[in-house]
Amino acid sequence: ILTECIVCYNYIPGVDAEKVLAVMNEVTRIDSEFIKRIS
């Protein structure tokens, strides 16, 4: 998902950069939350 966000951010014109960064932050938080919960 992060790779897809980076591709959107860099190569797709007209995409709102703030929305892309917000999705990237959200997904990163999801990752850390669930990795902690597994332990």
PDB file of all heavy atoms in Angstrom:
ATOM      1  N   ILE A   1       0.831  -1.199   0.000  1.00  0.00           N
ATOM      2  CA  ILE A   1       0.000   0.000   0.000  1.00  0.00           C
ATOM      3  C   ILE A   1       0.869   1.254   0.000  1.00  0.00           C
ATOM      4  O   ILE A   1       0.582   2.218  -0.720  1.00  0.00           O
ATOM      5  CB  ILE A   1      -0.974  -0.009   1.193  1.00  0.00           C
ATOM      6  CG1 ILE A   1      -1.994  -1.135   1.004  1.00  0.00           C
ATOM      7  CG2 ILE A   1      -1.678   1.333   1.338  1.00  0.00           C
ATOM      8  CD1 ILE A   1      -2.897  -1.357   2.168  1.00  0.00           C
ATOM      9  N   LEU A   2       1.943   1.244   0.773  1.00  0.00           N
ATOM     10  CA  LEU A   2       2.844   2.395   0.782  1.00  0.00           C
ATOM     11  C   LEU A   2       3.499   2.596  -0.579  1.00  0.00           C
ATOM     12  O   LEU A   2       3.664   3.739  -1.031  1.00  0.00           O
ATOM     13  CB  LEU A   2       3.901   2.233   1.872  1.00  0.00           C
ATOM     14  CG  LEU A   2       3.398   2.371   3.311  1.00  0.00           C
ATOM     15  CD1 LEU A   2       4.522   2.055   4.293  1.00  0.00           C
ATOM     16  CD2 LEU A   2       2.837   3.749   3.569  1.00  0.00           C
ATOM     17  N   THR A   3       3.858   1.506  -1.241  1.00  0.00           N
ATOM     18  CA  THR A   3       4.436   1.609  -2.582  1.00  0.00           C
ATOM     19  C   THR A   3       3.443   2.233  -3.546  1.00  0.00           C
ATOM     20  O   THR A   3       3.800   3.101  -4.359  1.00  0.00           O
ATOM     21  CB  THR A   3       4.865   0.227  -3.087  1.00  0.00           C
ATOM     22  OG1 THR A   3       5.796  -0.337  -2.166  1.00  0.00           O
ATOM     23  CG2 THR A   3       5.480   0.303  -4.460  1.00  0.00           C
ATOM     24  N   GLU A   4       2.206   1.820  -3.462  1.00  0.00           N
ATOM     25  CA  GLU A   4       1.162   2.394  -4.321  1.00  0.00           C
ATOM     26  C   GLU A   4       0.987   3.880  -4.043  1.00  0.00           C
ATOM     27  O   GLU A   4       0.811   4.676  -4.975  1.00  0.00           O
ATOM     28  CB  GLU A   4      -0.153   1.649  -4.091  1.00  0.00           C
ATOM     29  CG  GLU A   4      -1.276   2.074  -4.981  1.00  0.00           C
ATOM     30  CD  GLU A   4      -1.101   1.633  -6.419  1.00  0.00           C
ATOM     31  OE1 GLU A   4      -0.390   0.642  -6.670  1.00  0.00           O
ATOM     32  OE2 GLU A   4      -1.674   2.298  -7.301  1.00  0.00           O
ATOM     33  N   CYS A   5       1.057   4.271  -2.775  1.00  0.00           N
ATOM     34  CA  CYS A   5       0.941   5.691  -2.425  1.00  0.00           C
ATOM     35  C   CYS A   5       2.112   6.487  -2.989  1.00  0.00           C
ATOM     36  O   CYS A   5       1.926   7.602  -3.498  1.00  0.00           O
ATOM     37  CB  CYS A   5       0.886   5.854  -0.909  1.00  0.00           C
ATOM     38  SG  CYS A   5      -0.669   5.368  -0.163  1.00  0.00           S
ATOM     39  N   ILE A   6       3.304   5.933  -2.920  1.00  0.00           N
ATOM     40  CA  ILE A   6       4.481   6.629  -3.438  1.00  0.00           C
ATOM     41  C   ILE A   6       4.370   6.797  -4.952  1.00  0.00           C
ATOM     42  O   ILE A   6       4.693   7.856  -5.497  1.00  0.00           O
ATOM     43  CB  ILE A   6       5.766   5.877  -3.047  1.00  0.00           C
ATOM     44  CG1 ILE A   6       5.987   5.993  -1.540  1.00  0.00           C
ATOM     45  CG2 ILE A   6       6.976   6.407  -3.807  1.00  0.00           C
ATOM     46  CD1 ILE A   6       7.069   5.096  -0.997  1.00  0.00           C
ATOM     47  N   VAL A   7       3.884   5.775  -5.630  1.00  0.00           N
ATOM     48  CA  VAL A   7       3.694   5.871  -7.081  1.00  0.00           C
ATOM     49  C   VAL A   7       2.666   6.948  -7.407  1.00  0.00           C
ATOM     50  O   VAL A   7       2.872   7.763  -8.314  1.00  0.00           O
ATOM     51  CB  VAL A   7       3.284   4.505  -7.672  1.00  0.00           C
ATOM     52  CG1 VAL A   7       2.816   4.643  -9.103  1.00  0.00           C
ATOM     53  CG2 VAL A   7       4.436   3.523  -7.583  1.00  0.00           C
ATOM     54  N   CYS A   8       1.563   6.977  -6.669  1.00  0.00           N
ATOM     55  CA  CYS A   8       0.545   8.017  -6.891  1.00  0.00           C
ATOM     56  C   CYS A   8       1.128   9.404  -6.657  1.00  0.00           C
ATOM     57  O   CYS A   8       0.890  10.322  -7.441  1.00  0.00           O
ATOM     58  CB  CYS A   8      -0.635   7.810  -5.953  1.00  0.00           C
ATOM     59  SG  CYS A   8      -1.692   6.441  -6.377  1.00  0.00           S
ATOM     60  N   TYR A   9       1.874   9.544  -5.591  1.00  0.00           N
ATOM     61  CA  TYR A   9       2.442  10.836  -5.219  1.00  0.00           C
ATOM     62  C   TYR A   9       3.408  11.352  -6.278  1.00  0.00           C
ATOM     63  O   TYR A   9       3.407  12.534  -6.603  1.00  0.00           O
ATOM     64  CB  TYR A   9       3.149  10.694  -3.869  1.00  0.00           C
ATOM     65  CG  TYR A   9       3.700  11.974  -3.308  1.00  0.00           C
ATOM     66  CD1 TYR A   9       2.877  12.876  -2.655  1.00  0.00           C
ATOM     67  CD2 TYR A   9       5.050  12.273  -3.421  1.00  0.00           C
ATOM     68  CE1 TYR A   9       3.377  14.050  -2.127  1.00  0.00           C
ATOM     69  CE2 TYR A   9       5.559  13.453  -2.895  1.00  0.00           C
ATOM     70  CZ  TYR A   9       4.728  14.327  -2.252  1.00  0.00           C
ATOM     71  OH  TYR A   9       5.224  15.494  -1.735  1.00  0.00           O
ATOM     72  N   ASN A  10       4.235  10.459  -6.813  1.00  0.00           N
ATOM     73  CA  ASN A  10       5.288  10.883  -7.736  1.00  0.00           C
ATOM     74  C   ASN A  10       4.894  10.901  -9.203  1.00  0.00           C
ATOM     75  O   ASN A  10       5.442  11.695  -9.968  1.00  0.00           O
ATOM     76  CB  ASN A  10       6.522   9.990  -7.573  1.00  0.00           C
ATOM     77  CG  ASN A  10       7.226  10.248  -6.267  1.00  0.00           C
ATOM     78  OD1 ASN A  10       7.308  11.368  -5.802  1.00  0.00           O
ATOM     79  ND2 ASN A  10       7.731   9.190  -5.661  1.00  0.00           N
ATOM     80  N   TYR A  11       3.978  10.036  -9.621  1.00  0.00           N
ATOM     81  CA  TYR A  11       3.768   9.853 -11.057  1.00  0.00           C
ATOM     82  C   TYR A  11       2.385  10.161 -11.580  1.00  0.00           C
ATOM     83  O   TYR A  11       2.172  10.170 -12.784  1.00  0.00           O
ATOM     84  CB  TYR A  11       4.141   8.422 -11.458  1.00  0.00           C
ATOM     85  CG  TYR A  11       5.587   8.117 -11.181  1.00  0.00           C
ATOM     86  CD1 TYR A  11       5.941   7.224 -10.197  1.00  0.00           C
ATOM     87  CD2 TYR A  11       6.595   8.732 -11.898  1.00  0.00           C
ATOM     88  CE1 TYR A  11       7.270   6.943  -9.925  1.00  0.00           C
ATOM     89  CE2 TYR A  11       7.924   8.464 -11.647  1.00  0.00           C
ATOM     90  CZ  TYR A  11       8.258   7.570 -10.664  1.00  0.00           C
ATOM     91  OH  TYR A  11       9.573   7.303 -10.403  1.00  0.00           O
ATOM     92  N   ILE A  12       1.425  10.375 -10.725  1.00  0.00           N
ATOM     93  CA  ILE A  12       0.072  10.657 -11.192  1.00  0.00           C
ATOM     94  C   ILE A  12      -0.219  12.138 -10.976  1.00  0.00           C
ATOM     95  O   ILE A  12      -0.293  12.605  -9.834  1.00  0.00           O
ATOM     96  CB  ILE A  12      -0.973   9.783 -10.466  1.00  0.00           C
ATOM     97  CG1 ILE A  12      -0.706   8.314 -10.770  1.00  0.00           C
ATOM     98  CG2 ILE A  12      -2.379  10.182 -10.904  1.00  0.00           C
ATOM     99  CD1 ILE A  12      -1.619   7.357 -10.065  1.00  0.00           C
ATOM    100  N   PRO A  13      -0.370  12.863 -12.056  1.00  0.00           N
ATOM    101  CA  PRO A  13      -0.641  14.300 -11.914  1.00  0.00           C
ATOM    102  C   PRO A  13      -2.061  14.548 -11.412  1.00  0.00           C
ATOM    103  O   PRO A  13      -2.989  13.800 -11.713  1.00  0.00           O
ATOM    104  CB  PRO A  13      -0.462  14.841 -13.336  1.00  0.00           C
ATOM    105  CG  PRO A  13      -0.608  13.667 -14.226  1.00  0.00           C
ATOM    106  CD  PRO A  13      -0.243  12.453 -13.447  1.00  0.00           C
ATOM    107  N   GLY A  14      -2.210  15.569 -10.616  1.00  0.00           N
ATOM    108  CA  GLY A  14      -3.528  15.957 -10.131  1.00  0.00           C
ATOM    109  C   GLY A  14      -3.968  15.279  -8.857  1.00  0.00           C
ATOM    110  O   GLY A  14      -5.068  15.521  -8.380  1.00  0.00           O
ATOM    111  N   VAL A  15      -3.131  14.452  -8.282  1.00  0.00           N
ATOM    112  CA  VAL A  15      -3.489  13.792  -7.026  1.00  0.00           C
ATOM    113  C   VAL A  15      -3.106  14.723  -5.881  1.00  0.00           C
ATOM    114  O   VAL A  15      -2.026  15.303  -5.868  1.00  0.00           O
ATOM    115  CB  VAL A  15      -2.746  12.437  -6.891  1.00  0.00           C
ATOM    116  CG1 VAL A  15      -3.002  11.819  -5.539  1.00  0.00           C
ATOM    117  CG2 VAL A  15      -3.188  11.489  -7.977  1.00  0.00           C
ATOM    118  N   ASP A  16      -4.011  14.876  -4.926  1.00  0.00           N
ATOM    119  CA  ASP A  16      -3.765  15.749  -3.786  1.00  0.00           C
ATOM    120  C   ASP A  16      -2.679  15.138  -2.891  1.00  0.00           C
ATOM    121  O   ASP A  16      -2.856  14.065  -2.323  1.00  0.00           O
ATOM    122  CB  ASP A  16      -5.051  15.945  -3.003  1.00  0.00           C
ATOM    123  CG  ASP A  16      -4.931  16.989  -1.908  1.00  0.00           C
ATOM    124  OD1 ASP A  16      -3.916  17.711  -1.874  1.00  0.00           O
ATOM    125  OD2 ASP A  16      -5.855  17.079  -1.086  1.00  0.00           O
ATOM    126  N   ALA A  17      -1.561  15.826  -2.777  1.00  0.00           N
ATOM    127  CA  ALA A  17      -0.411  15.310  -2.031  1.00  0.00           C
ATOM    128  C   ALA A  17      -0.731  15.133  -0.549  1.00  0.00           C
ATOM    129  O   ALA A  17      -0.259  14.184   0.085  1.00  0.00           O
ATOM    130  CB  ALA A  17       0.780  16.239  -2.203  1.00  0.00           C
ATOM    131  N   GLU A  18      -1.537  16.015   0.006  1.00  0.00           N
ATOM    132  CA  GLU A  18      -1.882  15.909   1.427  1.00  0.00           C
ATOM    133  C   GLU A  18      -2.690  14.648   1.711  1.00  0.00           C
ATOM    134  O   GLU A  18      -2.504  14.007   2.736  1.00  0.00           O
ATOM    135  CB  GLU A  18      -2.634  17.148   1.878  1.00  0.00           C
ATOM    136  CG  GLU A  18      -1.765  18.392   1.933  1.00  0.00           C
ATOM    137  CD  GLU A  18      -2.527  19.595   2.437  1.00  0.00           C
ATOM    138  OE1 GLU A  18      -3.602  19.423   3.049  1.00  0.00           O
ATOM    139  OE2 GLU A  18      -2.041  20.710   2.217  1.00  0.00           O
ATOM    140  N   LYS A  19      -3.585  14.289   0.808  1.00  0.00           N
ATOM    141  CA  LYS A  19      -4.377  13.068   0.983  1.00  0.00           C
ATOM    142  C   LYS A  19      -3.496  11.834   0.896  1.00  0.00           C
ATOM    143  O   LYS A  19      -3.675  10.876   1.648  1.00  0.00           O
ATOM    144  CB  LYS A  19      -5.488  12.990  -0.059  1.00  0.00           C
ATOM    145  CG  LYS A  19      -6.599  13.978   0.165  1.00  0.00           C
ATOM    146  CD  LYS A  19      -7.692  13.815  -0.852  1.00  0.00           C
ATOM    147  CE  LYS A  19      -8.794  14.825  -0.649  1.00  0.00           C
ATOM    148  NZ  LYS A  19      -9.872  14.684  -1.630  1.00  0.00           N
ATOM    149  N   VAL A  20      -2.538  11.858  -0.016  1.00  0.00           N
ATOM    150  CA  VAL A  20      -1.612  10.729  -0.159  1.00  0.00           C
ATOM    151  C   VAL A  20      -0.806  10.561   1.120  1.00  0.00           C
ATOM    152  O   VAL A  20      -0.670   9.451   1.646  1.00  0.00           O
ATOM    153  CB  VAL A  20      -0.672  10.924  -1.369  1.00  0.00           C
ATOM    154  CG1 VAL A  20       0.375   9.834  -1.414  1.00  0.00           C
ATOM    155  CG2 VAL A  20      -1.458  10.954  -2.657  1.00  0.00           C
ATOM    156  N   LEU A  21      -0.293  11.661   1.636  1.00  0.00           N
ATOM    157  CA  LEU A  21       0.502  11.598   2.860  1.00  0.00           C
ATOM    158  C   LEU A  21      -0.347  11.174   4.064  1.00  0.00           C
ATOM    159  O   LEU A  21       0.134  10.456   4.946  1.00  0.00           O
ATOM    160  CB  LEU A  21       1.183  12.941   3.117  1.00  0.00           C
ATOM    161  CG  LEU A  21       2.230  13.343   2.078  1.00  0.00           C
ATOM    162  CD1 LEU A  21       2.758  14.734   2.366  1.00  0.00           C
ATOM    163  CD2 LEU A  21       3.358  12.334   2.024  1.00  0.00           C
ATOM    164  N   ALA A  22      -1.602  11.587   4.087  1.00  0.00           N
ATOM    165  CA  ALA A  22      -2.498  11.177   5.174  1.00  0.00           C
ATOM    166  C   ALA A  22      -2.739   9.671   5.143  1.00  0.00           C
ATOM    167  O   ALA A  22      -2.727   9.007   6.190  1.00  0.00           O
ATOM    168  CB  ALA A  22      -3.814  11.929   5.077  1.00  0.00           C
ATOM    169  N   VAL A  23      -2.944   9.117   3.950  1.00  0.00           N
ATOM    170  CA  VAL A  23      -3.135   7.671   3.822  1.00  0.00           C
ATOM    171  C   VAL A  23      -1.859   6.933   4.224  1.00  0.00           C
ATOM    172  O   VAL A  23      -1.910   5.915   4.926  1.00  0.00           O
ATOM    173  CB  VAL A  23      -3.557   7.289   2.385  1.00  0.00           C
ATOM    174  CG1 VAL A  23      -3.532   5.794   2.189  1.00  0.00           C
ATOM    175  CG2 VAL A  23      -4.936   7.836   2.074  1.00  0.00           C
ATOM    176  N   MET A  24      -0.718   7.457   3.830  1.00  0.00           N
ATOM    177  CA  MET A  24       0.556   6.827   4.195  1.00  0.00           C
ATOM    178  C   MET A  24       0.749   6.831   5.710  1.00  0.00           C
ATOM    179  O   MET A  24       1.171   5.819   6.282  1.00  0.00           O
ATOM    180  CB  MET A  24       1.721   7.541   3.505  1.00  0.00           C
ATOM    181  CG  MET A  24       1.765   7.311   2.016  1.00  0.00           C
ATOM    182  SD  MET A  24       3.042   8.255   1.183  1.00  0.00           S
ATOM    183  CE  MET A  24       4.496   7.363   1.681  1.00  0.00           C
ATOM    184  N   ASN A  25       0.422   7.931   6.364  1.00  0.00           N
ATOM    185  CA  ASN A  25       0.524   8.000   7.831  1.00  0.00           C
ATOM    186  C   ASN A  25      -0.424   7.025   8.500  1.00  0.00           C
ATOM    187  O   ASN A  25      -0.065   6.351   9.472  1.00  0.00           O
ATOM    188  CB  ASN A  25       0.261   9.418   8.321  1.00  0.00           C
ATOM    189  CG  ASN A  25       1.402  10.351   8.038  1.00  0.00           C
ATOM    190  OD1 ASN A  25       2.548   9.924   7.938  1.00  0.00           O
ATOM    191  ND2 ASN A  25       1.098  11.627   7.890  1.00  0.00           N
ATOM    192  N   GLU A  26      -1.637   6.950   7.997  1.00  0.00           N
ATOM    193  CA  GLU A  26      -2.633   6.045   8.566  1.00  0.00           C
ATOM    194  C   GLU A  26      -2.186   4.590   8.448  1.00  0.00           C
ATOM    195  O   GLU A  26      -2.277   3.817   9.405  1.00  0.00           O
ATOM    196  CB  GLU A  26      -3.977   6.233   7.867  1.00  0.00           C
ATOM    197  CG  GLU A  26      -5.052   5.322   8.381  1.00  0.00           C
ATOM    198  CD  GLU A  26      -6.367   5.492   7.644  1.00  0.00           C
ATOM    199  OE1 GLU A  26      -6.514   6.454   6.871  1.00  0.00           O
ATOM    200  OE2 GLU A  26      -7.240   4.632   7.837  1.00  0.00           O
ATOM    201  N   VAL A  27      -1.689   4.215   7.281  1.00  0.00           N
ATOM    202  CA  VAL A  27      -1.262   2.834   7.058  1.00  0.00           C
ATOM    203  C   VAL A  27      -0.049   2.494   7.928  1.00  0.00           C
ATOM    204  O   VAL A  27       0.049   1.392   8.465  1.00  0.00           O
ATOM    205  CB  VAL A  27      -0.971   2.595   5.556  1.00  0.00           C
ATOM    206  CG1 VAL A  27      -0.312   1.262   5.326  1.00  0.00           C
ATOM    207  CG2 VAL A  27      -2.253   2.696   4.759  1.00  0.00           C
ATOM    208  N   THR A  28       0.842   3.443   8.103  1.00  0.00           N
ATOM    209  CA  THR A  28       2.001   3.220   8.965  1.00  0.00           C
ATOM    210  C   THR A  28       1.571   3.024  10.418  1.00  0.00           C
ATOM    211  O   THR A  28       2.107   2.168  11.125  1.00  0.00           O
ATOM    212  CB  THR A  28       2.979   4.400   8.854  1.00  0.00           C
ATOM    213  OG1 THR A  28       3.324   4.576   7.486  1.00  0.00           O
ATOM    214  CG2 THR A  28       4.236   4.150   9.646  1.00  0.00           C
ATOM    215  N   ARG A  29       0.586   3.798  10.866  1.00  0.00           N
ATOM    216  CA  ARG A  29       0.060   3.615  12.228  1.00  0.00           C
ATOM    217  C   ARG A  29      -0.611   2.252  12.376  1.00  0.00           C
ATOM    218  O   ARG A  29      -0.463   1.596  13.408  1.00  0.00           O
ATOM    219  CB  ARG A  29      -0.932   4.728  12.556  1.00  0.00           C
ATOM    220  CG  ARG A  29      -0.291   6.013  13.020  1.00  0.00           C
ATOM    221  CD  ARG A  29      -1.339   6.936  13.612  1.00  0.00           C
ATOM    222  NE  ARG A  29      -2.311   7.328  12.595  1.00  0.00           N
ATOM    223  CZ  ARG A  29      -2.275   8.473  11.932  1.00  0.00           C
ATOM    224  NH1 ARG A  29      -1.325   9.335  12.178  1.00  0.00           N
ATOM    225  NH2 ARG A  29      -3.179   8.754  11.026  1.00  0.00           N
ATOM    226  N   ILE A  30      -1.356   1.844  11.361  1.00  0.00           N
ATOM    227  CA  ILE A  30      -2.004   0.529  11.393  1.00  0.00           C
ATOM    228  C   ILE A  30      -0.950  -0.564  11.537  1.00  0.00           C
ATOM    229  O   ILE A  30      -1.092  -1.490  12.334  1.00  0.00           O
ATOM    230  CB  ILE A  30      -2.856   0.303  10.129  1.00  0.00           C
ATOM    231  CG1 ILE A  30      -4.083   1.213  10.142  1.00  0.00           C
ATOM    232  CG2 ILE A  30      -3.285  -1.154  10.006  1.00  0.00           C
ATOM    233  CD1 ILE A  30      -4.850   1.232   8.835  1.00  0.00           C
ATOM    234  N   ASP A  31       0.135  -0.446  10.774  1.00  0.00           N
ATOM    235  CA  ASP A  31       1.207  -1.430  10.826  1.00  0.00           C
ATOM    236  C   ASP A  31       1.787  -1.535  12.229  1.00  0.00           C
ATOM    237  O   ASP A  31       1.866  -2.631  12.802  1.00  0.00           O
ATOM    238  CB  ASP A  31       2.305  -1.062   9.829  1.00  0.00           C
ATOM    239  CG  ASP A  31       3.461  -2.038   9.835  1.00  0.00           C
ATOM    240  OD1 ASP A  31       3.204  -3.263   9.751  1.00  0.00           O
ATOM    241  OD2 ASP A  31       4.620  -1.582   9.913  1.00  0.00           O
ATOM    242  N   SER A  32       2.173  -0.420  12.805  1.00  0.00           N
ATOM    243  CA  SER A  32       2.798  -0.475  14.127  1.00  0.00           C
ATOM    244  C   SER A  32       1.823  -0.952  15.203  1.00  0.00           C
ATOM    245  O   SER A  32       2.198  -1.712  16.100  1.00  0.00           O
ATOM    246  CB  SER A  32       3.385   0.878  14.503  1.00  0.00           C
ATOM    247  OG  SER A  32       2.391   1.857  14.608  1.00  0.00           O
ATOM    248  N   GLU A  33       0.563  -0.546  15.090  1.00  0.00           N
ATOM    249  CA  GLU A  33      -0.442  -0.968  16.070  1.00  0.00           C
ATOM    250  C   GLU A  33      -0.623  -2.486  16.052  1.00  0.00           C
ATOM    251  O   GLU A  33      -0.626  -3.133  17.106  1.00  0.00           O
ATOM    252  CB  GLU A  33      -1.775  -0.286  15.770  1.00  0.00           C
ATOM    253  CG  GLU A  33      -2.925  -0.787  16.616  1.00  0.00           C
ATOM    254  CD  GLU A  33      -4.280  -0.279  16.133  1.00  0.00           C
ATOM    255  OE1 GLU A  33      -4.337   0.689  15.360  1.00  0.00           O
ATOM    256  OE2 GLU A  33      -5.290  -0.890  16.539  1.00  0.00           O
ATOM    257  N   PHE A  34      -0.761  -3.058  14.868  1.00  0.00           N
ATOM    258  CA  PHE A  34      -1.044  -4.485  14.789  1.00  0.00           C
ATOM    259  C   PHE A  34       0.184  -5.333  15.082  1.00  0.00           C
ATOM    260  O   PHE A  34       0.061  -6.424  15.643  1.00  0.00           O
ATOM    261  CB  PHE A  34      -1.678  -4.833  13.442  1.00  0.00           C
ATOM    262  CG  PHE A  34      -3.137  -4.510  13.412  1.00  0.00           C
ATOM    263  CD1 PHE A  34      -3.582  -3.269  12.982  1.00  0.00           C
ATOM    264  CD2 PHE A  34      -4.068  -5.422  13.856  1.00  0.00           C
ATOM    265  CE1 PHE A  34      -4.913  -2.958  12.985  1.00  0.00           C
ATOM    266  CE2 PHE A  34      -5.418  -5.118  13.862  1.00  0.00           C
ATOM    267  CZ  PHE A  34      -5.848  -3.876  13.425  1.00  0.00           C
ATOM    268  N   ILE A  35       1.359  -4.870  14.744  1.00  0.00           N
ATOM    269  CA  ILE A  35       2.572  -5.603  15.093  1.00  0.00           C
ATOM    270  C   ILE A  35       2.718  -5.661  16.613  1.00  0.00           C
ATOM    271  O   ILE A  35       3.058  -6.706  17.176  1.00  0.00           O
ATOM    272  CB  ILE A  35       3.822  -4.968  14.443  1.00  0.00           C
ATOM    273  CG1 ILE A  35       3.758  -5.079  12.921  1.00  0.00           C
ATOM    274  CG2 ILE A  35       5.103  -5.591  14.978  1.00  0.00           C
ATOM    275  CD1 ILE A  35       3.798  -6.481  12.377  1.00  0.00           C
ATOM    276  N   LYS A  36       2.415  -4.562  17.290  1.00  0.00           N
ATOM    277  CA  LYS A  36       2.459  -4.543  18.752  1.00  0.00           C
ATOM    278  C   LYS A  36       1.417  -5.492  19.344  1.00  0.00           C
ATOM    279  O   LYS A  36       1.681  -6.197  20.316  1.00  0.00           O
ATOM    280  CB  LYS A  36       2.225  -3.137  19.285  1.00  0.00           C
ATOM    281  CG  LYS A  36       3.377  -2.209  19.076  1.00  0.00           C
ATOM    282  CD  LYS A  36       3.031  -0.822  19.574  1.00  0.00           C
ATOM    283  CE  LYS A  36       4.083   0.174  19.201  1.00  0.00           C
ATOM    284  NZ  LYS A  36       3.689   1.555  19.577  1.00  0.00           N
ATOM    285  N   ARG A  37       0.231  -5.495  18.763  1.00  0.00           N
ATOM    286  CA  ARG A  37      -0.843  -6.334  19.291  1.00  0.00           C
ATOM    287  C   ARG A  37      -0.555  -7.820  19.124  1.00  0.00           C
ATOM    288  O   ARG A  37      -0.990  -8.629  19.945  1.00  0.00           O
ATOM    289  CB  ARG A  37      -2.169  -5.983  18.609  1.00  0.00           C
ATOM    290  CG  ARG A  37      -2.721  -4.660  19.104  1.00  0.00           C
ATOM    291  CD  ARG A  37      -3.963  -4.258  18.392  1.00  0.00           C
ATOM    292  NE  ARG A  37      -5.029  -5.237  18.497  1.00  0.00           N
ATOM    293  CZ  ARG A  37      -6.181  -5.147  17.853  1.00  0.00           C
ATOM    294  NH1 ARG A  37      -6.413  -4.120  17.060  1.00  0.00           N
ATOM    295  NH2 ARG A  37      -7.089  -6.078  17.981  1.00  0.00           N
ATOM    296  N   ILE A  38       0.191  -8.190  18.093  1.00  0.00           N
ATOM    297  CA  ILE A  38       0.521  -9.595  17.888  1.00  0.00           C
ATOM    298  C   ILE A  38       1.415 -10.093  19.012  1.00  0.00           C
ATOM    299  O   ILE A  38       1.303 -11.237  19.452  1.00  0.00           O
ATOM    300  CB  ILE A  38       1.204  -9.798  16.516  1.00  0.00           C
ATOM    301  CG1 ILE A  38       0.193  -9.604  15.410  1.00  0.00           C
ATOM    302  CG2 ILE A  38       1.848 -11.173  16.408  1.00  0.00           C
ATOM    303  CD1 ILE A  38       0.790  -9.555  14.026  1.00  0.00           C
ATOM    304  N   SER A  39       2.278  -9.240  19.507  1.00  0.00           N
ATOM    305  CA  SER A  39       3.235  -9.634  20.529  1.00  0.00           C
ATOM    306  C   SER A  39       2.603  -9.803  21.909  1.00  0.00           C
ATOM    307  O   SER A  39       3.235 -10.352  22.802  1.00  0.00           O
ATOM    308  CB  SER A  39       4.362  -8.609  20.606  1.00  0.00           C
ATOM    309  OG  SER A  39       5.023  -8.528  19.369  1.00  0.00           O
TER     310      SER A  39
END
